[in-house]
Amino acid sequence: MPSKIRCPSVQKKKILDVLSVRLGGLSSYAYIGAVLNSIRNGSDARGYFVWSFMDLYELLSGYEFSFGLYYVNFSVPHRKRTPKLSAHWYSAFLKDNTTFLGSQRIAQLQSNFSSSY
């Protein structure tokens, strides 16, 4: 199995790409909407949980792909966790603020990470 060479600029770009998804929460919104539709159609759904709370090791792809509400930096010993935009959306949703994050809030979140990585 070939080893991966980590380049700081590539790692930085990957982290920023993961954190700056403008559709953060859209997939969660669609899944929750599907549950709501099933309830309206008679389903006895009593709960909902996020499949992957944070990035994890995938059997077929290792750590190559990013899943979950939190980005996990596997290149540092303490495995720093950073909330993605989808985590902020989901938190707002649970607090009954069901609107999507506005562009100003997205820009603010992006600026927080651009200096960190």
PDB file of N, CA and C in Angstrom:
ATOM      1  N   MET A   1       0.845  -1.178   0.000  1.00  0.00           N
ATOM      2  CA  MET A   1       0.000   0.000   0.000  1.00  0.00           C
ATOM      3  C   MET A   1       0.893   1.244   0.000  1.00  0.00           C
ATOM      4  N   PRO A   2       0.708   2.153  -0.968  1.00  0.00           N
ATOM      5  CA  PRO A   2       1.563   3.334  -1.027  1.00  0.00           C
ATOM      6  C   PRO A   2       1.279   4.274   0.138  1.00  0.00           C
ATOM      7  N   SER A   3       2.350   4.892   0.623  1.00  0.00           N
ATOM      8  CA  SER A   3       2.158   5.853   1.717  1.00  0.00           C
ATOM      9  C   SER A   3       1.803   7.208   1.127  1.00  0.00           C
ATOM     10  N   LYS A   4       1.077   7.979   1.889  1.00  0.00           N
ATOM     11  CA  LYS A   4       0.667   9.300   1.426  1.00  0.00           C
ATOM     12  C   LYS A   4       1.632  10.345   1.963  1.00  0.00           C
ATOM     13  N   ILE A   5       2.046  11.241   1.112  1.00  0.00           N
ATOM     14  CA  ILE A   5       2.898  12.346   1.533  1.00  0.00           C
ATOM     15  C   ILE A   5       1.986  13.529   1.785  1.00  0.00           C
ATOM     16  N   ARG A   6       2.082  14.068   2.965  1.00  0.00           N
ATOM     17  CA  ARG A   6       1.213  15.189   3.327  1.00  0.00           C
ATOM     18  C   ARG A   6       1.930  16.504   3.053  1.00  0.00           C
ATOM     19  N   CYS A   7       1.342  17.303   2.217  1.00  0.00           N
ATOM     20  CA  CYS A   7       1.866  18.627   1.911  1.00  0.00           C
ATOM     21  C   CYS A   7       1.007  19.643   2.646  1.00  0.00           C
ATOM     22  N   PRO A   8       1.611  20.540   3.439  1.00  0.00           N
ATOM     23  CA  PRO A   8       0.797  21.485   4.218  1.00  0.00           C
ATOM     24  C   PRO A   8      -0.207  22.273   3.384  1.00  0.00           C
ATOM     25  N   SER A   9       0.195  22.732   2.185  1.00  0.00           N
ATOM     26  CA  SER A   9      -0.744  23.527   1.388  1.00  0.00           C
ATOM     27  C   SER A   9      -1.907  22.674   0.885  1.00  0.00           C
ATOM     28  N   VAL A  10      -1.635  21.411   0.544  1.00  0.00           N
ATOM     29  CA  VAL A  10      -2.702  20.513   0.103  1.00  0.00           C
ATOM     30  C   VAL A  10      -3.616  20.198   1.278  1.00  0.00           C
ATOM     31  N   GLN A  11      -3.013  19.919   2.448  1.00  0.00           N
ATOM     32  CA  GLN A  11      -3.808  19.635   3.641  1.00  0.00           C
ATOM     33  C   GLN A  11      -4.668  20.846   3.998  1.00  0.00           C
ATOM     34  N   LYS A  12      -4.098  22.050   3.905  1.00  0.00           N
ATOM     35  CA  LYS A  12      -4.850  23.273   4.212  1.00  0.00           C
ATOM     36  C   LYS A  12      -6.034  23.404   3.270  1.00  0.00           C
ATOM     37  N   LYS A  13      -5.810  23.187   1.971  1.00  0.00           N
ATOM     38  CA  LYS A  13      -6.897  23.297   1.005  1.00  0.00           C
ATOM     39  C   LYS A  13      -7.987  22.276   1.308  1.00  0.00           C
ATOM     40  N   LYS A  14      -7.590  21.043   1.621  1.00  0.00           N
ATOM     41  CA  LYS A  14      -8.569  20.000   1.912  1.00  0.00           C
ATOM     42  C   LYS A  14      -9.407  20.382   3.133  1.00  0.00           C
ATOM     43  N   ILE A  15      -8.755  20.898   4.170  1.00  0.00           N
ATOM     44  CA  ILE A  15      -9.468  21.306   5.382  1.00  0.00           C
ATOM     45  C   ILE A  15     -10.439  22.432   5.065  1.00  0.00           C
ATOM     46  N   LEU A  16      -9.988  23.439   4.338  1.00  0.00           N
ATOM     47  CA  LEU A  16     -10.866  24.564   4.013  1.00  0.00           C
ATOM     48  C   LEU A  16     -12.020  24.122   3.128  1.00  0.00           C
ATOM     49  N   ASP A  17     -11.763  23.193   2.200  1.00  0.00           N
ATOM     50  CA  ASP A  17     -12.847  22.673   1.361  1.00  0.00           C
ATOM     51  C   ASP A  17     -13.902  21.988   2.211  1.00  0.00           C
ATOM     52  N   VAL A  18     -13.446  21.198   3.168  1.00  0.00           N
ATOM     53  CA  VAL A  18     -14.369  20.472   4.040  1.00  0.00           C
ATOM     54  C   VAL A  18     -15.188  21.439   4.879  1.00  0.00           C
ATOM     55  N   LEU A  19     -14.539  22.480   5.400  1.00  0.00           N
ATOM     56  CA  LEU A  19     -15.208  23.391   6.319  1.00  0.00           C
ATOM     57  C   LEU A  19     -16.079  24.423   5.618  1.00  0.00           C
ATOM     58  N   SER A  20     -15.826  24.678   4.353  1.00  0.00           N
ATOM     59  CA  SER A  20     -16.522  25.774   3.692  1.00  0.00           C
ATOM     60  C   SER A  20     -17.593  25.311   2.719  1.00  0.00           C
ATOM     61  N   VAL A  21     -18.120  24.139   2.916  1.00  0.00           N
ATOM     62  CA  VAL A  21     -19.193  23.655   2.050  1.00  0.00           C
ATOM     63  C   VAL A  21     -20.388  24.588   2.194  1.00  0.00           C
ATOM     64  N   ARG A  22     -20.758  25.240   1.130  1.00  0.00           N
ATOM     65  CA  ARG A  22     -21.851  26.217   1.211  1.00  0.00           C
ATOM     66  C   ARG A  22     -23.210  25.562   1.391  1.00  0.00           C
ATOM     67  N   LEU A  23     -23.303  24.288   1.106  1.00  0.00           N
ATOM     68  CA  LEU A  23     -24.565  23.583   1.289  1.00  0.00           C
ATOM     69  C   LEU A  23     -24.604  22.869   2.632  1.00  0.00           C
ATOM     70  N   GLY A  24     -23.790  23.338   3.571  1.00  0.00           N
ATOM     71  CA  GLY A  24     -23.742  22.701   4.886  1.00  0.00           C
ATOM     72  C   GLY A  24     -25.140  22.543   5.457  1.00  0.00           C
ATOM     73  N   GLY A  25     -25.479  21.347   5.827  1.00  0.00           N
ATOM     74  CA  GLY A  25     -26.798  21.091   6.377  1.00  0.00           C
ATOM     75  C   GLY A  25     -27.832  20.684   5.349  1.00  0.00           C
ATOM     76  N   LEU A  26     -27.549  20.881   4.069  1.00  0.00           N
ATOM     77  CA  LEU A  26     -28.555  20.568   3.053  1.00  0.00           C
ATOM     78  C   LEU A  26     -28.901  19.085   3.054  1.00  0.00           C
ATOM     79  N   SER A  27     -27.899  18.228   3.164  1.00  0.00           N
ATOM     80  CA  SER A  27     -28.207  16.794   3.182  1.00  0.00           C
ATOM     81  C   SER A  27     -28.958  16.427   4.452  1.00  0.00           C
ATOM     82  N   SER A  28     -28.569  17.024   5.596  1.00  0.00           N
ATOM     83  CA  SER A  28     -29.302  16.773   6.844  1.00  0.00           C
ATOM     84  C   SER A  28     -30.742  17.253   6.710  1.00  0.00           C
ATOM     85  N   TYR A  29     -30.915  18.402   6.085  1.00  0.00           N
ATOM     86  CA  TYR A  29     -32.244  18.960   5.875  1.00  0.00           C
ATOM     87  C   TYR A  29     -33.090  17.998   5.039  1.00  0.00           C
ATOM     88  N   ALA A  30     -32.479  17.434   3.990  1.00  0.00           N
ATOM     89  CA  ALA A  30     -33.204  16.500   3.117  1.00  0.00           C
ATOM     90  C   ALA A  30     -33.572  15.226   3.870  1.00  0.00           C
ATOM     91  N   TYR A  31     -32.653  14.710   4.669  1.00  0.00           N
ATOM     92  CA  TYR A  31     -32.937  13.490   5.431  1.00  0.00           C
ATOM     93  C   TYR A  31     -34.041  13.725   6.452  1.00  0.00           C
ATOM     94  N   ILE A  32     -33.971  14.832   7.163  1.00  0.00           N
ATOM     95  CA  ILE A  32     -34.997  15.143   8.160  1.00  0.00           C
ATOM     96  C   ILE A  32     -36.339  15.362   7.469  1.00  0.00           C
ATOM     97  N   GLY A  33     -36.308  16.002   6.296  1.00  0.00           N
ATOM     98  CA  GLY A  33     -37.532  16.189   5.519  1.00  0.00           C
ATOM     99  C   GLY A  33     -38.138  14.861   5.092  1.00  0.00           C
ATOM    100  N   ALA A  34     -37.288  13.899   4.738  1.00  0.00           N
ATOM    101  CA  ALA A  34     -37.784  12.573   4.357  1.00  0.00           C
ATOM    102  C   ALA A  34     -38.432  11.871   5.547  1.00  0.00           C
ATOM    103  N   VAL A  35     -37.859  12.036   6.733  1.00  0.00           N
ATOM    104  CA  VAL A  35     -38.464  11.459   7.941  1.00  0.00           C
ATOM    105  C   VAL A  35     -39.818  12.108   8.201  1.00  0.00           C
ATOM    106  N   LEU A  36     -39.887  13.431   8.058  1.00  0.00           N
ATOM    107  CA  LEU A  36     -41.152  14.142   8.250  1.00  0.00           C
ATOM    108  C   LEU A  36     -42.205  13.635   7.266  1.00  0.00           C
ATOM    109  N   ASN A  37     -41.826  13.457   5.999  1.00  0.00           N
ATOM    110  CA  ASN A  37     -42.773  12.931   5.005  1.00  0.00           C
ATOM    111  C   ASN A  37     -43.251  11.537   5.376  1.00  0.00           C
ATOM    112  N   SER A  38     -42.341  10.711   5.878  1.00  0.00           N
ATOM    113  CA  SER A  38     -42.757   9.355   6.255  1.00  0.00           C
ATOM    114  C   SER A  38     -43.710   9.386   7.447  1.00  0.00           C
ATOM    115  N   ILE A  39     -43.508  10.315   8.378  1.00  0.00           N
ATOM    116  CA  ILE A  39     -44.430  10.465   9.516  1.00  0.00           C
ATOM    117  C   ILE A  39     -45.803  10.903   9.013  1.00  0.00           C
ATOM    118  N   ARG A  40     -45.800  11.851   8.081  1.00  0.00           N
ATOM    119  CA  ARG A  40     -47.069  12.322   7.512  1.00  0.00           C
ATOM    120  C   ARG A  40     -47.801  11.203   6.771  1.00  0.00           C
ATOM    121  N   ASN A  41     -47.039  10.226   6.281  1.00  0.00           N
ATOM    122  CA  ASN A  41     -47.631   9.086   5.576  1.00  0.00           C
ATOM    123  C   ASN A  41     -47.900   7.903   6.495  1.00  0.00           C
ATOM    124  N   GLY A  42     -47.831   8.125   7.802  1.00  0.00           N
ATOM    125  CA  GLY A  42     -48.214   7.089   8.748  1.00  0.00           C
ATOM    126  C   GLY A  42     -47.091   6.343   9.444  1.00  0.00           C
ATOM    127  N   SER A  43     -45.853   6.674   9.165  1.00  0.00           N
ATOM    128  CA  SER A  43     -44.736   5.999   9.829  1.00  0.00           C
ATOM    129  C   SER A  43     -44.707   6.351  11.315  1.00  0.00           C
ATOM    130  N   ASP A  44     -44.275   5.416  12.126  1.00  0.00           N
ATOM    131  CA  ASP A  44     -44.185   5.635  13.569  1.00  0.00           C
ATOM    132  C   ASP A  44     -42.736   5.950  13.953  1.00  0.00           C
ATOM    133  N   ALA A  45     -42.155   6.960  13.315  1.00  0.00           N
ATOM    134  CA  ALA A  45     -40.772   7.359  13.620  1.00  0.00           C
ATOM    135  C   ALA A  45     -40.749   8.080  14.960  1.00  0.00           C
ATOM    136  N   ARG A  46     -39.862   7.651  15.833  1.00  0.00           N
ATOM    137  CA  ARG A  46     -39.803   8.238  17.178  1.00  0.00           C
ATOM    138  C   ARG A  46     -38.492   8.947  17.457  1.00  0.00           C
ATOM    139  N   GLY A  47     -37.600   8.961  16.512  1.00  0.00           N
ATOM    140  CA  GLY A  47     -36.326   9.623  16.742  1.00  0.00           C
ATOM    141  C   GLY A  47     -35.510   9.721  15.469  1.00  0.00           C
ATOM    142  N   TYR A  48     -34.444  10.465  15.557  1.00  0.00           N
ATOM    143  CA  TYR A  48     -33.548  10.674  14.429  1.00  0.00           C
ATOM    144  C   TYR A  48     -32.152  10.899  14.997  1.00  0.00           C
ATOM    145  N   PHE A  49     -31.147  10.323  14.365  1.00  0.00           N
ATOM    146  CA  PHE A  49     -29.779  10.600  14.785  1.00  0.00           C
ATOM    147  C   PHE A  49     -28.899  10.783  13.562  1.00  0.00           C
ATOM    148  N   VAL A  50     -27.827  11.494  13.748  1.00  0.00           N
ATOM    149  CA  VAL A  50     -26.874  11.730  12.669  1.00  0.00           C
ATOM    150  C   VAL A  50     -26.018  10.481  12.534  1.00  0.00           C
ATOM    151  N   TRP A  51     -25.906   9.959  11.318  1.00  0.00           N
ATOM    152  CA  TRP A  51     -25.187   8.710  11.099  1.00  0.00           C
ATOM    153  C   TRP A  51     -23.740   8.807  11.561  1.00  0.00           C
ATOM    154  N   SER A  52     -23.079   9.889  11.238  1.00  0.00           N
ATOM    155  CA  SER A  52     -21.672  10.022  11.605  1.00  0.00           C
ATOM    156  C   SER A  52     -21.460  11.367  12.267  1.00  0.00           C
ATOM    157  N   PHE A  53     -21.238  11.330  13.568  1.00  0.00           N
ATOM    158  CA  PHE A  53     -21.047  12.559  14.334  1.00  0.00           C
ATOM    159  C   PHE A  53     -19.754  13.258  13.940  1.00  0.00           C
ATOM    160  N   MET A  54     -18.715  12.489  13.673  1.00  0.00           N
ATOM    161  CA  MET A  54     -17.446  13.087  13.269  1.00  0.00           C
ATOM    162  C   MET A  54     -16.771  12.211  12.228  1.00  0.00           C
ATOM    163  N   ASP A  55     -15.711  12.754  11.631  1.00  0.00           N
ATOM    164  CA  ASP A  55     -14.968  12.000  10.628  1.00  0.00           C
ATOM    165  C   ASP A  55     -14.532  10.670  11.215  1.00  0.00           C
ATOM    166  N   LEU A  56     -14.504   9.669  10.376  1.00  0.00           N
ATOM    167  CA  LEU A  56     -14.153   8.341  10.861  1.00  0.00           C
ATOM    168  C   LEU A  56     -13.380   7.570   9.809  1.00  0.00           C
ATOM    169  N   TYR A  57     -12.875   6.434  10.201  1.00  0.00           N
ATOM    170  CA  TYR A  57     -12.138   5.572   9.289  1.00  0.00           C
ATOM    171  C   TYR A  57     -13.132   4.724   8.505  1.00  0.00           C
ATOM    172  N   GLU A  58     -13.066   4.793   7.194  1.00  0.00           N
ATOM    173  CA  GLU A  58     -13.937   4.000   6.331  1.00  0.00           C
ATOM    174  C   GLU A  58     -13.168   2.781   5.834  1.00  0.00           C
ATOM    175  N   LEU A  59     -13.800   1.646   5.858  1.00  0.00           N
ATOM    176  CA  LEU A  59     -13.155   0.386   5.504  1.00  0.00           C
ATOM    177  C   LEU A  59     -12.488   0.430   4.126  1.00  0.00           C
ATOM    178  N   LEU A  60     -13.159   0.988   3.137  1.00  0.00           N
ATOM    179  CA  LEU A  60     -12.629   0.968   1.772  1.00  0.00           C
ATOM    180  C   LEU A  60     -11.774   2.171   1.412  1.00  0.00           C
ATOM    181  N   SER A  61     -11.938   3.292   2.128  1.00  0.00           N
ATOM    182  CA  SER A  61     -11.214   4.500   1.726  1.00  0.00           C
ATOM    183  C   SER A  61     -10.358   5.110   2.822  1.00  0.00           C
ATOM    184  N   GLY A  62     -10.248   4.460   3.959  1.00  0.00           N
ATOM    185  CA  GLY A  62      -9.423   5.000   5.040  1.00  0.00           C
ATOM    186  C   GLY A  62      -9.946   6.344   5.506  1.00  0.00           C
ATOM    187  N   TYR A  63      -9.046   7.296   5.655  1.00  0.00           N
ATOM    188  CA  TYR A  63      -9.426   8.644   6.092  1.00  0.00           C
ATOM    189  C   TYR A  63      -9.533   9.609   4.908  1.00  0.00           C
ATOM    190  N   GLU A  64      -9.559   9.071   3.699  1.00  0.00           N
ATOM    191  CA  GLU A  64      -9.553   9.902   2.494  1.00  0.00           C
ATOM    192  C   GLU A  64     -10.781  10.797   2.383  1.00  0.00           C
ATOM    193  N   PHE A  65     -11.944  10.299   2.757  1.00  0.00           N
ATOM    194  CA  PHE A  65     -13.169  11.074   2.623  1.00  0.00           C
ATOM    195  C   PHE A  65     -13.631  11.579   3.977  1.00  0.00           C
ATOM    196  N   SER A  66     -14.272  12.711   3.951  1.00  0.00           N
ATOM    197  CA  SER A  66     -14.701  13.363   5.183  1.00  0.00           C
ATOM    198  C   SER A  66     -16.205  13.193   5.373  1.00  0.00           C
ATOM    199  N   PHE A  67     -16.589  12.661   6.522  1.00  0.00           N
ATOM    200  CA  PHE A  67     -17.991  12.483   6.868  1.00  0.00           C
ATOM    201  C   PHE A  67     -18.230  13.142   8.219  1.00  0.00           C
ATOM    202  N   GLY A  68     -19.465  13.286   8.581  1.00  0.00           N
ATOM    203  CA  GLY A  68     -19.779  13.738   9.930  1.00  0.00           C
ATOM    204  C   GLY A  68     -19.948  15.236  10.066  1.00  0.00           C
ATOM    205  N   LEU A  69     -20.334  15.645  11.254  1.00  0.00           N
ATOM    206  CA  LEU A  69     -20.565  17.051  11.561  1.00  0.00           C
ATOM    207  C   LEU A  69     -19.286  17.771  11.972  1.00  0.00           C
ATOM    208  N   TYR A  70     -18.286  17.018  12.380  1.00  0.00           N
ATOM    209  CA  TYR A  70     -17.024  17.597  12.844  1.00  0.00           C
ATOM    210  C   TYR A  70     -15.865  17.045  12.037  1.00  0.00           C
ATOM    211  N   TYR A  71     -14.974  17.950  11.633  1.00  0.00           N
ATOM    212  CA  TYR A  71     -13.746  17.545  10.966  1.00  0.00           C
ATOM    213  C   TYR A  71     -12.762  17.108  12.045  1.00  0.00           C
ATOM    214  N   VAL A  72     -12.126  15.966  11.850  1.00  0.00           N
ATOM    215  CA  VAL A  72     -11.101  15.487  12.769  1.00  0.00           C
ATOM    216  C   VAL A  72      -9.759  15.564  12.056  1.00  0.00           C
ATOM    217  N   ASN A  73      -8.815  16.297  12.639  1.00  0.00           N
ATOM    218  CA  ASN A  73      -7.486  16.425  12.056  1.00  0.00           C
ATOM    219  C   ASN A  73      -6.633  15.250  12.536  1.00  0.00           C
ATOM    220  N   PHE A  74      -6.512  14.228  11.695  1.00  0.00           N
ATOM    221  CA  PHE A  74      -5.785  13.022  12.062  1.00  0.00           C
ATOM    222  C   PHE A  74      -4.272  13.200  11.982  1.00  0.00           C
ATOM    223  N   SER A  75      -3.798  14.344  11.487  1.00  0.00           N
ATOM    224  CA  SER A  75      -2.357  14.545  11.360  1.00  0.00           C
ATOM    225  C   SER A  75      -1.729  15.117  12.628  1.00  0.00           C
ATOM    226  N   VAL A  76      -2.527  15.407  13.635  1.00  0.00           N
ATOM    227  CA  VAL A  76      -1.983  15.887  14.912  1.00  0.00           C
ATOM    228  C   VAL A  76      -2.313  14.867  16.002  1.00  0.00           C
ATOM    229  N   PRO A  77      -1.427  14.724  16.988  1.00  0.00           N
ATOM    230  CA  PRO A  77      -1.627  13.685  18.009  1.00  0.00           C
ATOM    231  C   PRO A  77      -2.925  13.803  18.802  1.00  0.00           C
ATOM    232  N   HIS A  78      -3.373  15.011  19.103  1.00  0.00           N
ATOM    233  CA  HIS A  78      -4.577  15.163  19.937  1.00  0.00           C
ATOM    234  C   HIS A  78      -5.873  15.147  19.129  1.00  0.00           C
ATOM    235  N   ARG A  79      -5.787  14.933  17.802  1.00  0.00           N
ATOM    236  CA  ARG A  79      -6.962  14.763  16.940  1.00  0.00           C
ATOM    237  C   ARG A  79      -7.980  15.896  17.106  1.00  0.00           C
ATOM    238  N   LYS A  80      -7.529  17.109  16.824  1.00  0.00           N
ATOM    239  CA  LYS A  80      -8.388  18.283  16.988  1.00  0.00           C
ATOM    240  C   LYS A  80      -9.684  18.134  16.194  1.00  0.00           C
ATOM    241  N   ARG A  81     -10.801  18.447  16.833  1.00  0.00           N
ATOM    242  CA  ARG A  81     -12.118  18.415  16.191  1.00  0.00           C
ATOM    243  C   ARG A  81     -12.572  19.842  15.909  1.00  0.00           C
ATOM    244  N   THR A  82     -13.084  20.058  14.700  1.00  0.00           N
ATOM    245  CA  THR A  82     -13.554  21.374  14.291  1.00  0.00           C
ATOM    246  C   THR A  82     -14.940  21.222  13.687  1.00  0.00           C
ATOM    247  N   PRO A  83     -15.934  21.976  14.189  1.00  0.00           N
ATOM    248  CA  PRO A  83     -17.287  21.845  13.629  1.00  0.00           C
ATOM    249  C   PRO A  83     -17.346  22.332  12.184  1.00  0.00           C
ATOM    250  N   LYS A  84     -18.032  21.565  11.349  1.00  0.00           N
ATOM    251  CA  LYS A  84     -18.262  21.963   9.961  1.00  0.00           C
ATOM    252  C   LYS A  84     -19.521  22.829   9.909  1.00  0.00           C
ATOM    253  N   LEU A  85     -19.788  23.418   8.754  1.00  0.00           N
ATOM    254  CA  LEU A  85     -21.000  24.231   8.611  1.00  0.00           C
ATOM    255  C   LEU A  85     -22.245  23.402   8.882  1.00  0.00           C
ATOM    256  N   SER A  86     -22.209  22.123   8.525  1.00  0.00           N
ATOM    257  CA  SER A  86     -23.368  21.271   8.784  1.00  0.00           C
ATOM    258  C   SER A  86     -23.619  21.128  10.281  1.00  0.00           C
ATOM    259  N   ALA A  87     -22.576  21.168  11.101  1.00  0.00           N
ATOM    260  CA  ALA A  87     -22.750  21.113  12.563  1.00  0.00           C
ATOM    261  C   ALA A  87     -23.452  22.370  13.057  1.00  0.00           C
ATOM    262  N   HIS A  88     -23.068  23.516  12.508  1.00  0.00           N
ATOM    263  CA  HIS A  88     -23.721  24.773  12.898  1.00  0.00           C
ATOM    264  C   HIS A  88     -25.183  24.772  12.455  1.00  0.00           C
ATOM    265  N   TRP A  89     -25.439  24.276  11.226  1.00  0.00           N
ATOM    266  CA  TRP A  89     -26.822  24.206  10.752  1.00  0.00           C
ATOM    267  C   TRP A  89     -27.644  23.288  11.640  1.00  0.00           C
ATOM    268  N   TYR A  90     -27.108  22.106  11.946  1.00  0.00           N
ATOM    269  CA  TYR A  90     -27.851  21.128  12.741  1.00  0.00           C
ATOM    270  C   TYR A  90     -28.130  21.672  14.141  1.00  0.00           C
ATOM    271  N   SER A  91     -27.163  22.364  14.715  1.00  0.00           N
ATOM    272  CA  SER A  91     -27.358  22.977  16.030  1.00  0.00           C
ATOM    273  C   SER A  91     -28.485  24.006  15.981  1.00  0.00           C
ATOM    274  N   ALA A  92     -28.477  24.849  14.942  1.00  0.00           N
ATOM    275  CA  ALA A  92     -29.540  25.853  14.793  1.00  0.00           C
ATOM    276  C   ALA A  92     -30.892  25.173  14.588  1.00  0.00           C
ATOM    277  N   PHE A  93     -30.911  24.104  13.817  1.00  0.00           N
ATOM    278  CA  PHE A  93     -32.147  23.361  13.585  1.00  0.00           C
ATOM    279  C   PHE A  93     -32.702  22.812  14.893  1.00  0.00           C
ATOM    280  N   LEU A  94     -31.843  22.217  15.709  1.00  0.00           N
ATOM    281  CA  LEU A  94     -32.284  21.646  16.979  1.00  0.00           C
ATOM    282  C   LEU A  94     -32.765  22.719  17.954  1.00  0.00           C
ATOM    283  N   LYS A  95     -32.248  23.938  17.784  1.00  0.00           N
ATOM    284  CA  LYS A  95     -32.689  25.050  18.635  1.00  0.00           C
ATOM    285  C   LYS A  95     -33.926  25.735  18.054  1.00  0.00           C
ATOM    286  N   ASP A  96     -34.530  25.106  17.047  1.00  0.00           N
ATOM    287  CA  ASP A  96     -35.744  25.594  16.391  1.00  0.00           C
ATOM    288  C   ASP A  96     -35.514  26.836  15.545  1.00  0.00           C
ATOM    289  N   ASN A  97     -34.300  27.026  15.087  1.00  0.00           N
ATOM    290  CA  ASN A  97     -34.004  28.080  14.128  1.00  0.00           C
ATOM    291  C   ASN A  97     -33.754  27.369  12.809  1.00  0.00           C
ATOM    292  N   THR A  98     -34.814  27.058  12.087  1.00  0.00           N
ATOM    293  CA  THR A  98     -34.718  26.157  10.944  1.00  0.00           C
ATOM    294  C   THR A  98     -34.267  26.818   9.648  1.00  0.00           C
ATOM    295  N   THR A  99     -33.913  28.082   9.698  1.00  0.00           N
ATOM    296  CA  THR A  99     -33.427  28.725   8.481  1.00  0.00           C
ATOM    297  C   THR A  99     -31.982  28.317   8.232  1.00  0.00           C
ATOM    298  N   PHE A 100     -31.588  28.331   6.969  1.00  0.00           N
ATOM    299  CA  PHE A 100     -30.201  28.023   6.629  1.00  0.00           C
ATOM    300  C   PHE A 100     -29.298  29.152   7.089  1.00  0.00           C
ATOM    301  N   LEU A 101     -28.033  28.833   7.252  1.00  0.00           N
ATOM    302  CA  LEU A 101     -27.065  29.853   7.630  1.00  0.00           C
ATOM    303  C   LEU A 101     -27.002  30.913   6.541  1.00  0.00           C
ATOM    304  N   GLY A 102     -27.012  32.163   6.942  1.00  0.00           N
ATOM    305  CA  GLY A 102     -26.908  33.247   5.982  1.00  0.00           C
ATOM    306  C   GLY A 102     -25.489  33.390   5.465  1.00  0.00           C
ATOM    307  N   SER A 103     -25.327  34.109   4.365  1.00  0.00           N
ATOM    308  CA  SER A 103     -24.006  34.247   3.755  1.00  0.00           C
ATOM    309  C   SER A 103     -23.028  34.967   4.671  1.00  0.00           C
ATOM    310  N   GLN A 104     -23.506  35.908   5.501  1.00  0.00           N
ATOM    311  CA  GLN A 104     -22.609  36.589   6.440  1.00  0.00           C
ATOM    312  C   GLN A 104     -22.066  35.608   7.469  1.00  0.00           C
ATOM    313  N   ARG A 105     -22.917  34.725   7.984  1.00  0.00           N
ATOM    314  CA  ARG A 105     -22.481  33.741   8.980  1.00  0.00           C
ATOM    315  C   ARG A 105     -21.499  32.758   8.348  1.00  0.00           C
ATOM    316  N   ILE A 106     -21.741  32.352   7.113  1.00  0.00           N
ATOM    317  CA  ILE A 106     -20.819  31.452   6.420  1.00  0.00           C
ATOM    318  C   ILE A 106     -19.465  32.129   6.261  1.00  0.00           C
ATOM    319  N   ALA A 107     -19.457  33.392   5.838  1.00  0.00           N
ATOM    320  CA  ALA A 107     -18.201  34.127   5.682  1.00  0.00           C
ATOM    321  C   ALA A 107     -17.470  34.240   7.018  1.00  0.00           C
ATOM    322  N   GLN A 108     -18.213  34.480   8.090  1.00  0.00           N
ATOM    323  CA  GLN A 108     -17.609  34.577   9.421  1.00  0.00           C
ATOM    324  C   GLN A 108     -16.964  33.248   9.819  1.00  0.00           C
ATOM    325  N   LEU A 109     -17.661  32.150   9.595  1.00  0.00           N
ATOM    326  CA  LEU A 109     -17.114  30.834   9.934  1.00  0.00           C
ATOM    327  C   LEU A 109     -15.881  30.523   9.092  1.00  0.00           C
ATOM    328  N   GLN A 110     -15.929  30.874   7.811  1.00  0.00           N
ATOM    329  CA  GLN A 110     -14.781  30.626   6.945  1.00  0.00           C
ATOM    330  C   GLN A 110     -13.570  31.425   7.404  1.00  0.00           C
ATOM    331  N   SER A 111     -13.777  32.671   7.814  1.00  0.00           N
ATOM    332  CA  SER A 111     -12.649  33.493   8.254  1.00  0.00           C
ATOM    333  C   SER A 111     -12.029  32.942   9.528  1.00  0.00           C
ATOM    334  N   ASN A 112     -12.826  32.308  10.373  1.00  0.00           N
ATOM    335  CA  ASN A 112     -12.286  31.696  11.587  1.00  0.00           C
ATOM    336  C   ASN A 112     -11.281  30.602  11.253  1.00  0.00           C
ATOM    337  N   PHE A 113     -11.520  29.866  10.169  1.00  0.00           N
ATOM    338  CA  PHE A 113     -10.665  28.742   9.842  1.00  0.00           C
ATOM    339  C   PHE A 113      -9.512  29.122   8.927  1.00  0.00           C
ATOM    340  N   SER A 114      -9.653  30.191   8.149  1.00  0.00           N
ATOM    341  CA  SER A 114      -8.603  30.522   7.192  1.00  0.00           C
ATOM    342  C   SER A 114      -7.298  30.886   7.884  1.00  0.00           C
ATOM    343  N   SER A 115      -7.378  31.451   9.091  1.00  0.00           N
ATOM    344  CA  SER A 115      -6.150  31.797   9.792  1.00  0.00           C
ATOM    345  C   SER A 115      -5.612  30.629  10.614  1.00  0.00           C
ATOM    346  N   SER A 116      -6.456  29.647  10.903  1.00  0.00           N
ATOM    347  CA  SER A 116      -6.051  28.522  11.748  1.00  0.00           C
ATOM    348  C   SER A 116      -5.244  27.481  11.000  1.00  0.00           C
ATOM    349  N   TYR A 117      -5.456  27.365   9.703  1.00  0.00           N
ATOM    350  CA  TYR A 117      -4.818  26.276   8.962  1.00  0.00           C
ATOM    351  C   TYR A 117      -3.941  26.814   7.870  1.00  0.00           C
TER     352      TYR A 117
END
